[in-house]
Amino acid sequence: MTLDREALATSLQNEAGDAAFFELFIKSRPHLFSHAPVFLPKADDDAMQAIVHAVEAVTRLPQYQQATLSRAPALAHIDHGPIGAFMGYDFHLTPDGPKLIEINTNAGGAFLNAFLAQAQIACCDEVEQGLARQSVAQFENRVIDIFETEWRRQGRTDALQRIAIVDNAPHEQYLYPEFILAKRLFERRGYQAVIADPSTLRFECDVLQEGGAPIDLVYNRLVDFTLDDPRHGALRTAYEGGTVVLTPNPRNHALVADKRNLTLLSDHETLRAWGLDASAVAALSGVPRAVCVTHDNADALWRERKSLFFKPASGHASKAVYRGDKLTKGVWASILEGAYIAQDFAPPGERTIEVDGERVQRKVDVRLYTYAGEPLIAAARLYQGQTTNFRTPGGGFAPVFFI
């Protein structure tokens, strides 16, 4: 199979309501989409979903919540009800099965991947019949259900009317095209929708406003997970008082996406002591061992560094992430002064693709987009180098088909 770029361009342009959409936003991102899909056995899908369900079960344990929130800021202790739209569980596929390498609360790409899956052409009828294609209509219905559910989880009984998709300098974000797709989806379903920089928001008369109009719900794409940036003051005030529904929110990040949580999810002895079901503990064998980096264990971790990956507790987009075998003494010193975890290295899988007539290998990681532990869509990212990126020829987002 290969990507039918013409079909993708037509689909995206129709969805965005802009004939120039593909030319403006996709051509300028030549490595956003890979031309090759990823095929995986159904057993991998089952294993990944078992890990997701086990993680969700852990997050409901009172002892786990106490442990994670004890190191979180006061804002994360506020529980208005929402559990976080578009959770992203990221996996590497190893000979020992899928390994959960991290979890993200505001995982990007779901809207783009829903269309990407539709723009694949099969090599033959047998393959075509074997593909469980994602339906855009089904995806849309699920998305609307998610945001309506988040609205009701905060106790709202009136109708959800106006949604803001919020990120810093949204027009400059690499995934800005999907902000447009999300806005169009909301508008087609009868909601008012805006794409906004948080610095343009105002909190007046106990209402969060954009352009003088009230905002009911914020689809949060910020990487300021604790809303500490002064530019986010209006959003923070509205969230603190519960006058706006924010999803995902600081509590969602603290409970699930803080990288230090991986140290708990991989500590089977503690999980059993907390009363986690044996089957869930077994599923969490798919979480590589992780420990917090401290001055006390620094010497041991330095000796073991070649088998470790180092990640900042509140990191995102693979920033400030280091493979242990690439570490310098200078970088190691900065790691010791920051809040980092050391995670057992789980090598990514690989996919053979053709680029300019030559067969090449690309690394693969797989993301499950979920809500309340249930899968929404699966996608892969193909790349070269130490971490995922959108700079690799033949790389980018790729649809995942389980067979």
Protein backbone atom coordinates (compact mmCIF):
# COMPACT_ATOMS: atom_id res chain seq x y z
CA MET A 1 0.00 0.00 0.00
CA THR A 2 0.98 3.62 -0.44
CA LEU A 3 -0.49 6.99 0.34
CA ASP A 4 -2.89 8.42 -2.21
CA ARG A 5 -1.83 12.04 -1.79
CA GLU A 6 -4.45 13.29 -4.23
CA ALA A 7 -7.20 11.63 -2.20
CA LEU A 8 -5.70 13.02 0.99
CA ALA A 9 -5.50 16.53 -0.45
CA THR A 10 -9.11 16.41 -1.63
CA SER A 11 -10.34 15.04 1.68
CA LEU A 12 -8.49 17.64 3.74
CA GLN A 13 -9.55 20.51 1.50
CA ASN A 14 -13.19 19.44 1.67
CA GLU A 15 -12.98 19.09 5.44
CA ALA A 16 -11.28 22.45 5.93
CA GLY A 17 -13.62 24.19 3.47
CA ASP A 18 -10.57 25.73 1.81
CA ALA A 19 -9.32 24.79 -1.65
CA ALA A 20 -5.86 26.07 -0.71
CA PHE A 21 -5.62 24.10 2.56
CA PHE A 22 -3.34 21.35 1.26
CA GLU A 23 -1.14 23.81 -0.62
CA LEU A 24 -0.82 26.15 2.36
CA PHE A 25 -0.48 23.77 5.27
CA ILE A 26 0.53 20.30 4.09
CA LYS A 27 2.99 20.90 1.25
CA SER A 28 5.04 23.11 3.55
CA ARG A 29 5.27 20.10 5.91
CA PRO A 30 6.67 17.47 3.51
CA HIS A 31 7.43 14.97 6.27
CA LEU A 32 4.16 15.26 8.16
CA PHE A 33 2.76 12.10 6.52
CA SER A 34 4.61 8.95 5.61
CA HIS A 35 3.58 7.29 2.35
CA ALA A 36 3.67 3.83 4.00
CA PRO A 37 1.24 2.41 6.56
CA VAL A 38 2.22 0.12 9.40
CA PHE A 39 0.78 -3.39 9.70
CA LEU A 40 0.72 -5.03 13.13
CA PRO A 41 -0.65 -8.30 14.44
CA LYS A 42 -3.90 -8.12 16.37
CA ALA A 43 -2.02 -9.56 19.36
CA ASP A 44 -0.05 -6.29 19.64
CA ASP A 45 -3.29 -4.32 19.70
CA ASP A 46 -4.63 -6.57 22.46
CA ALA A 47 -1.42 -6.20 24.48
CA MET A 48 -1.37 -2.40 24.15
CA GLN A 49 -5.00 -2.10 25.18
CA ALA A 50 -4.37 -4.36 28.19
CA ILE A 51 -1.57 -2.01 29.27
CA VAL A 52 -3.83 1.03 28.82
CA HIS A 53 -6.59 -0.54 30.91
CA ALA A 54 -4.07 -1.47 33.61
CA VAL A 55 -2.74 2.11 33.75
CA GLU A 56 -6.27 3.45 34.02
CA ALA A 57 -6.92 1.04 36.89
CA VAL A 58 -3.78 2.25 38.69
CA THR A 59 -4.81 5.91 38.37
CA ARG A 60 -7.98 5.13 40.32
CA LEU A 61 -6.07 3.78 43.34
CA PRO A 62 -6.15 6.23 46.30
CA GLN A 63 -2.51 5.46 47.18
CA TYR A 64 -1.38 6.21 43.63
CA GLN A 65 -3.30 9.46 43.53
CA GLN A 66 -1.79 10.49 46.84
CA ALA A 67 1.73 9.66 45.64
CA THR A 68 1.43 11.53 42.33
CA LEU A 69 -0.39 14.57 43.68
CA SER A 70 2.04 14.93 46.59
CA ARG A 71 4.66 16.24 44.13
CA ALA A 72 2.20 18.23 42.00
CA PRO A 73 1.34 21.92 42.42
CA ALA A 74 -1.82 22.95 44.24
CA LEU A 75 -3.62 23.61 40.95
CA ALA A 76 -3.42 19.90 40.09
CA HIS A 77 -5.26 18.99 43.30
CA ILE A 78 -8.43 20.64 41.98
CA ASP A 79 -10.83 18.03 40.61
CA HIS A 80 -13.64 19.49 38.55
CA GLY A 81 -14.47 16.13 36.96
CA PRO A 82 -12.99 16.02 33.42
CA ILE A 83 -10.53 13.17 32.81
CA GLY A 84 -8.77 14.52 29.71
CA ALA A 85 -9.56 14.41 26.00
CA PHE A 86 -7.14 12.70 23.61
CA MET A 87 -4.84 10.81 25.91
CA GLY A 88 -1.88 9.45 23.97
CA TYR A 89 -0.20 6.17 24.95
CA ASP A 90 3.13 5.79 23.11
CA PHE A 91 4.62 2.34 22.50
CA HIS A 92 7.76 0.78 21.10
CA LEU A 93 7.28 -2.63 19.55
CA THR A 94 9.93 -5.07 20.75
CA PRO A 95 10.50 -8.83 20.37
CA ASP A 96 9.05 -9.14 23.88
CA GLY A 97 5.88 -7.30 22.93
CA PRO A 98 4.77 -3.65 23.05
CA LYS A 99 6.48 -1.45 25.65
CA LEU A 100 4.80 1.70 26.96
CA ILE A 101 7.47 4.39 26.85
CA GLU A 102 5.34 7.39 27.88
CA ILE A 103 1.87 8.89 28.16
CA ASN A 104 0.81 12.33 26.93
CA THR A 105 -2.29 14.27 27.96
CA ASN A 106 -2.61 16.59 24.97
CA ALA A 107 -1.46 14.16 22.30
CA GLY A 108 -1.55 15.78 18.86
CA GLY A 109 -2.32 14.27 15.49
CA ALA A 110 -5.58 12.39 15.96
CA PHE A 111 -7.60 14.59 13.58
CA LEU A 112 -4.91 14.34 10.91
CA ASN A 113 -4.56 10.59 11.29
CA ALA A 114 -8.29 10.02 10.90
CA PHE A 115 -8.01 11.40 7.37
CA LEU A 116 -4.68 9.75 6.66
CA ALA A 117 -6.18 6.30 7.19
CA GLN A 118 -8.78 7.04 4.53
CA ALA A 119 -6.19 8.05 1.93
CA GLN A 120 -4.43 4.69 1.66
CA ILE A 121 -4.81 2.54 -1.44
CA ALA A 122 -4.60 -1.23 -1.23
CA CYS A 123 -2.32 -3.32 -3.41
CA CYS A 124 -5.00 -5.96 -4.01
CA ASP A 125 -8.58 -6.92 -3.15
CA GLU A 126 -7.48 -9.33 -0.43
CA VAL A 127 -5.63 -6.61 1.44
CA GLU A 128 -8.50 -4.18 0.93
CA GLN A 129 -10.94 -6.63 2.47
CA GLY A 130 -8.62 -7.33 5.38
CA LEU A 131 -8.36 -3.70 6.49
CA ALA A 132 -10.64 -2.45 9.24
CA ARG A 133 -10.67 1.14 7.96
CA GLN A 134 -11.39 3.96 10.35
CA SER A 135 -14.55 5.78 9.38
CA VAL A 136 -14.35 9.58 9.47
CA ALA A 137 -18.01 9.68 10.45
CA GLN A 138 -17.34 7.28 13.34
CA PHE A 139 -14.33 9.34 14.41
CA GLU A 140 -16.41 12.52 14.39
CA ASN A 141 -19.11 10.96 16.53
CA ARG A 142 -16.54 9.76 19.05
CA VAL A 143 -14.90 13.19 19.23
CA ILE A 144 -18.21 14.91 19.90
CA ASP A 145 -19.06 12.31 22.54
CA ILE A 146 -15.73 12.99 24.27
CA PHE A 147 -16.21 16.73 24.54
CA GLU A 148 -19.86 16.44 25.53
CA THR A 149 -18.87 13.92 28.20
CA GLU A 150 -16.14 16.20 29.54
CA TRP A 151 -18.72 19.00 29.66
CA ARG A 152 -21.12 16.89 31.70
CA ARG A 153 -18.36 15.53 33.96
CA GLN A 154 -17.98 19.06 35.30
CA GLY A 155 -21.64 19.09 36.25
CA ARG A 156 -22.88 21.14 33.32
CA THR A 157 -26.52 20.54 32.43
CA ASP A 158 -27.01 23.32 29.88
CA ALA A 159 -25.95 23.03 26.27
CA LEU A 160 -22.29 23.28 25.30
CA GLN A 161 -22.07 26.17 22.87
CA ARG A 162 -18.61 27.70 22.38
CA ILE A 163 -15.29 25.83 22.27
CA ALA A 164 -11.81 27.38 22.15
CA ILE A 165 -8.83 25.41 20.81
CA VAL A 166 -5.96 26.98 22.72
CA ASP A 167 -2.20 26.97 22.19
CA ASN A 168 0.59 29.49 22.26
CA ALA A 169 0.97 31.20 18.86
CA PRO A 170 -1.30 28.56 17.30
CA HIS A 171 -0.61 29.65 13.72
CA GLU A 172 3.08 28.87 14.27
CA GLN A 173 2.53 25.35 15.62
CA TYR A 174 3.61 22.48 13.39
CA LEU A 175 0.25 20.77 13.94
CA TYR A 176 -1.78 23.92 13.29
CA PRO A 177 -3.55 22.18 10.34
CA GLU A 178 -5.35 19.91 12.77
CA PHE A 179 -6.54 22.89 14.80
CA ILE A 180 -8.36 23.96 11.64
CA LEU A 181 -9.81 20.47 11.18
CA ALA A 182 -10.98 20.38 14.79
CA LYS A 183 -12.59 23.80 14.47
CA ARG A 184 -14.42 22.74 11.31
CA LEU A 185 -15.65 19.54 12.95
CA PHE A 186 -17.05 21.44 15.92
CA GLU A 187 -18.73 24.01 13.67
CA ARG A 188 -20.27 21.35 11.45
CA ARG A 189 -21.85 19.81 14.55
CA GLY A 190 -23.43 23.11 15.57
CA TYR A 191 -20.91 24.51 18.04
CA GLN A 192 -19.18 27.86 17.83
CA ALA A 193 -15.41 27.34 17.74
CA VAL A 194 -12.31 29.53 17.78
CA ILE A 195 -8.56 28.93 17.66
CA ALA A 196 -6.95 31.20 20.24
CA ASP A 197 -3.68 32.16 21.85
CA PRO A 198 -4.19 32.14 25.66
CA SER A 199 -2.79 35.65 25.92
CA THR A 200 -5.87 36.92 24.06
CA LEU A 201 -8.27 35.42 26.62
CA ARG A 202 -9.87 37.64 29.24
CA PHE A 203 -11.54 36.74 32.53
CA GLU A 204 -14.22 39.32 33.15
CA CYS A 205 -17.53 39.21 35.04
CA ASP A 206 -16.63 35.68 36.21
CA VAL A 207 -16.55 34.48 32.59
CA LEU A 208 -13.64 33.43 30.39
CA GLN A 209 -13.92 35.39 27.16
CA GLU A 210 -12.33 35.55 23.74
CA GLY A 211 -13.14 38.47 21.48
CA GLY A 212 -15.76 39.63 23.96
CA ALA A 213 -17.72 36.36 23.74
CA PRO A 214 -17.88 33.71 26.51
CA ILE A 215 -16.05 30.40 26.24
CA ASP A 216 -17.68 27.29 27.65
CA LEU A 217 -14.93 24.71 27.07
CA VAL A 218 -11.23 24.90 26.25
CA TYR A 219 -9.58 22.13 24.24
CA ASN A 220 -6.15 22.57 25.78
CA ARG A 221 -3.08 22.07 23.58
CA LEU A 222 -0.69 24.01 25.80
CA VAL A 223 2.51 22.42 27.08
CA ASP A 224 2.42 24.66 30.14
CA PHE A 225 0.91 21.79 32.10
CA THR A 226 0.62 23.73 35.35
CA LEU A 227 -0.55 27.05 33.84
CA ASP A 228 2.29 28.92 35.55
CA ASP A 229 3.06 31.18 32.59
CA PRO A 230 1.77 34.72 33.34
CA ARG A 231 0.32 34.84 29.80
CA HIS A 232 -2.05 32.07 30.85
CA GLY A 233 -3.41 33.93 33.85
CA ALA A 234 -6.97 34.36 32.60
CA LEU A 235 -7.24 30.67 31.75
CA ARG A 236 -5.78 29.69 35.10
CA THR A 237 -8.24 31.89 37.02
CA ALA A 238 -11.21 30.52 35.08
CA TYR A 239 -10.04 26.95 35.62
CA GLU A 240 -9.40 27.43 39.33
CA GLY A 241 -12.92 28.69 39.86
CA GLY A 242 -14.50 26.06 37.65
CA THR A 243 -16.10 28.65 35.41
CA VAL A 244 -14.66 27.02 32.27
CA VAL A 245 -14.27 23.36 31.38
CA LEU A 246 -10.59 22.70 30.59
CA THR A 247 -9.58 19.45 28.94
CA PRO A 248 -7.00 18.12 29.41
CA ASN A 249 -6.13 19.94 32.61
CA PRO A 250 -3.33 20.11 35.24
CA ARG A 251 -4.84 17.29 37.29
CA ASN A 252 -4.99 14.99 34.27
CA HIS A 253 -1.32 15.66 33.56
CA ALA A 254 -0.23 15.12 37.16
CA LEU A 255 -2.08 11.81 37.48
CA VAL A 256 -1.10 10.31 34.15
CA ALA A 257 1.49 12.15 32.06
CA ASP A 258 4.16 13.30 34.51
CA LYS A 259 7.10 11.06 33.52
CA ARG A 260 7.85 10.33 37.19
CA ASN A 261 4.64 8.29 37.25
CA LEU A 262 6.42 5.66 35.14
CA THR A 263 8.48 4.84 38.23
CA LEU A 264 5.26 3.81 39.99
CA LEU A 265 3.74 2.03 36.99
CA SER A 266 6.84 -0.16 36.70
CA ASP A 267 7.06 -0.91 40.44
CA HIS A 268 5.10 -4.15 40.62
CA GLU A 269 5.76 -4.79 44.29
CA THR A 270 4.25 -1.46 45.31
CA LEU A 271 1.29 -1.90 42.97
CA ARG A 272 0.50 -5.29 44.47
CA ALA A 273 0.74 -3.80 47.98
CA TRP A 274 -1.77 -1.16 46.91
CA GLY A 275 -4.20 -3.91 45.91
CA LEU A 276 -3.94 -3.77 42.13
CA ASP A 277 -5.45 -6.80 40.43
CA ALA A 278 -2.91 -9.50 39.46
CA SER A 279 -3.89 -9.38 35.79
CA ALA A 280 -3.29 -5.62 35.70
CA VAL A 281 0.11 -6.04 37.36
CA ALA A 282 0.99 -8.65 34.74
CA ALA A 283 -0.05 -6.30 31.91
CA LEU A 284 2.23 -3.61 33.35
CA SER A 285 5.25 -5.80 32.64
CA GLY A 286 4.99 -3.87 29.37
CA VAL A 287 6.17 -0.70 31.16
CA PRO A 288 9.99 -0.53 31.19
CA ARG A 289 11.54 -0.05 34.63
CA ALA A 290 12.00 3.61 35.50
CA VAL A 291 13.55 5.40 38.49
CA CYS A 292 13.90 9.04 39.44
CA VAL A 293 17.42 10.40 38.99
CA THR A 294 18.88 11.61 42.28
CA HIS A 295 22.32 12.46 43.59
CA ASP A 296 22.12 9.27 45.67
CA ASN A 297 21.77 6.94 42.65
CA ALA A 298 23.75 9.09 40.21
CA ASP A 299 26.92 6.97 40.24
CA ALA A 300 25.01 3.74 39.63
CA LEU A 301 22.93 5.26 36.83
CA TRP A 302 26.04 6.69 35.16
CA ARG A 303 27.57 3.22 35.11
CA GLU A 304 24.37 1.75 33.64
CA ARG A 305 23.71 4.67 31.28
CA LYS A 306 24.24 2.74 28.03
CA SER A 307 21.07 0.74 28.71
CA LEU A 308 19.01 3.73 29.83
CA PHE A 309 16.98 6.61 28.41
CA PHE A 310 16.76 9.88 30.35
CA LYS A 311 13.60 12.01 30.24
CA PRO A 312 12.51 15.21 32.02
CA ALA A 313 9.52 14.78 34.33
CA SER A 314 7.38 17.34 32.52
CA GLY A 315 8.87 16.98 29.07
CA HIS A 316 7.07 16.95 25.74
CA ALA A 317 7.83 16.39 22.05
CA SER A 318 11.06 14.53 22.93
CA LYS A 319 12.72 17.75 24.11
CA ALA A 320 15.72 17.38 26.45
CA VAL A 321 15.52 13.59 26.10
CA TYR A 322 18.81 11.68 25.98
CA ARG A 323 19.98 8.18 25.17
CA GLY A 324 22.42 7.12 27.85
CA ASP A 325 25.08 5.93 25.41
CA LYS A 326 25.18 9.46 23.91
CA LEU A 327 25.57 11.33 27.20
CA THR A 328 28.39 13.74 27.86
CA LYS A 329 29.55 14.76 31.31
CA GLY A 330 28.16 18.25 30.73
CA VAL A 331 24.68 16.96 29.86
CA TRP A 332 24.82 14.56 32.80
CA ALA A 333 25.47 17.46 35.15
CA SER A 334 22.37 19.27 33.85
CA ILE A 335 20.28 16.11 34.26
CA LEU A 336 21.33 15.86 37.92
CA GLU A 337 20.14 19.40 38.53
CA GLY A 338 16.77 18.82 36.87
CA ALA A 339 13.81 16.52 37.55
CA TYR A 340 14.60 13.49 35.40
CA ILE A 341 13.78 9.82 35.21
CA ALA A 342 16.00 7.02 33.94
CA GLN A 343 14.07 4.43 31.95
CA ASP A 344 15.27 1.05 30.70
CA PHE A 345 15.86 1.44 26.98
CA ALA A 346 13.18 -0.27 24.87
CA PRO A 347 14.34 -0.14 21.23
CA PRO A 348 11.75 0.96 18.69
CA GLY A 349 10.56 -1.37 15.97
CA GLU A 350 11.52 -0.81 12.36
CA ARG A 351 9.67 -0.61 9.06
CA THR A 352 11.19 -1.10 5.62
CA ILE A 353 9.96 1.51 3.15
CA GLU A 354 10.98 2.74 -0.27
CA VAL A 355 12.36 6.27 -0.68
CA ASP A 356 13.48 7.45 -4.13
CA GLY A 357 13.61 3.88 -5.37
CA GLU A 358 15.77 2.66 -2.50
CA ARG A 359 14.73 0.42 0.37
CA VAL A 360 15.47 2.04 3.73
CA GLN A 361 14.74 1.35 7.38
CA ARG A 362 12.71 3.70 9.51
CA LYS A 363 12.11 3.45 13.25
CA VAL A 364 8.49 3.14 14.39
CA ASP A 365 6.58 4.07 17.47
CA VAL A 366 2.84 3.57 17.87
CA ARG A 367 0.40 5.90 19.59
CA LEU A 368 -3.01 4.88 20.85
CA TYR A 369 -5.33 7.85 21.22
CA THR A 370 -7.79 7.03 23.98
CA TYR A 371 -10.52 8.41 26.17
CA ALA A 372 -11.42 6.85 29.53
CA GLY A 373 -9.13 3.98 28.59
CA GLU A 374 -10.97 3.13 25.38
CA PRO A 375 -9.19 3.42 22.01
CA LEU A 376 -10.17 6.16 19.62
CA ILE A 377 -7.63 5.69 16.83
CA ALA A 378 -4.14 4.23 16.40
CA ALA A 379 -1.29 5.85 14.50
CA ALA A 380 2.42 5.37 14.02
CA ARG A 381 5.30 7.76 13.60
CA LEU A 382 8.17 6.79 11.31
CA TYR A 383 11.50 8.48 11.88
CA GLN A 384 15.29 8.39 11.95
CA GLY A 385 17.51 9.49 14.79
CA GLN A 386 17.28 9.40 18.56
CA THR A 387 13.64 10.46 18.93
CA THR A 388 10.50 10.94 16.85
CA ASN A 389 10.52 13.93 14.55
CA PHE A 390 8.95 15.20 11.35
CA ARG A 391 12.18 15.77 9.45
CA THR A 392 12.82 12.33 7.98
CA PRO A 393 12.33 11.53 4.26
CA GLY A 394 9.63 8.86 4.13
CA GLY A 395 8.81 9.56 7.77
CA GLY A 396 5.90 11.18 9.57
CA PHE A 397 2.49 10.00 10.70
CA ALA A 398 1.39 6.62 9.33
CA PRO A 399 -1.89 4.76 9.78
CA VAL A 400 -1.80 1.50 11.74
CA PHE A 401 -3.73 -1.53 10.54
CA PHE A 402 -4.10 -4.51 12.86
CA ILE A 403 -4.42 -7.80 10.99
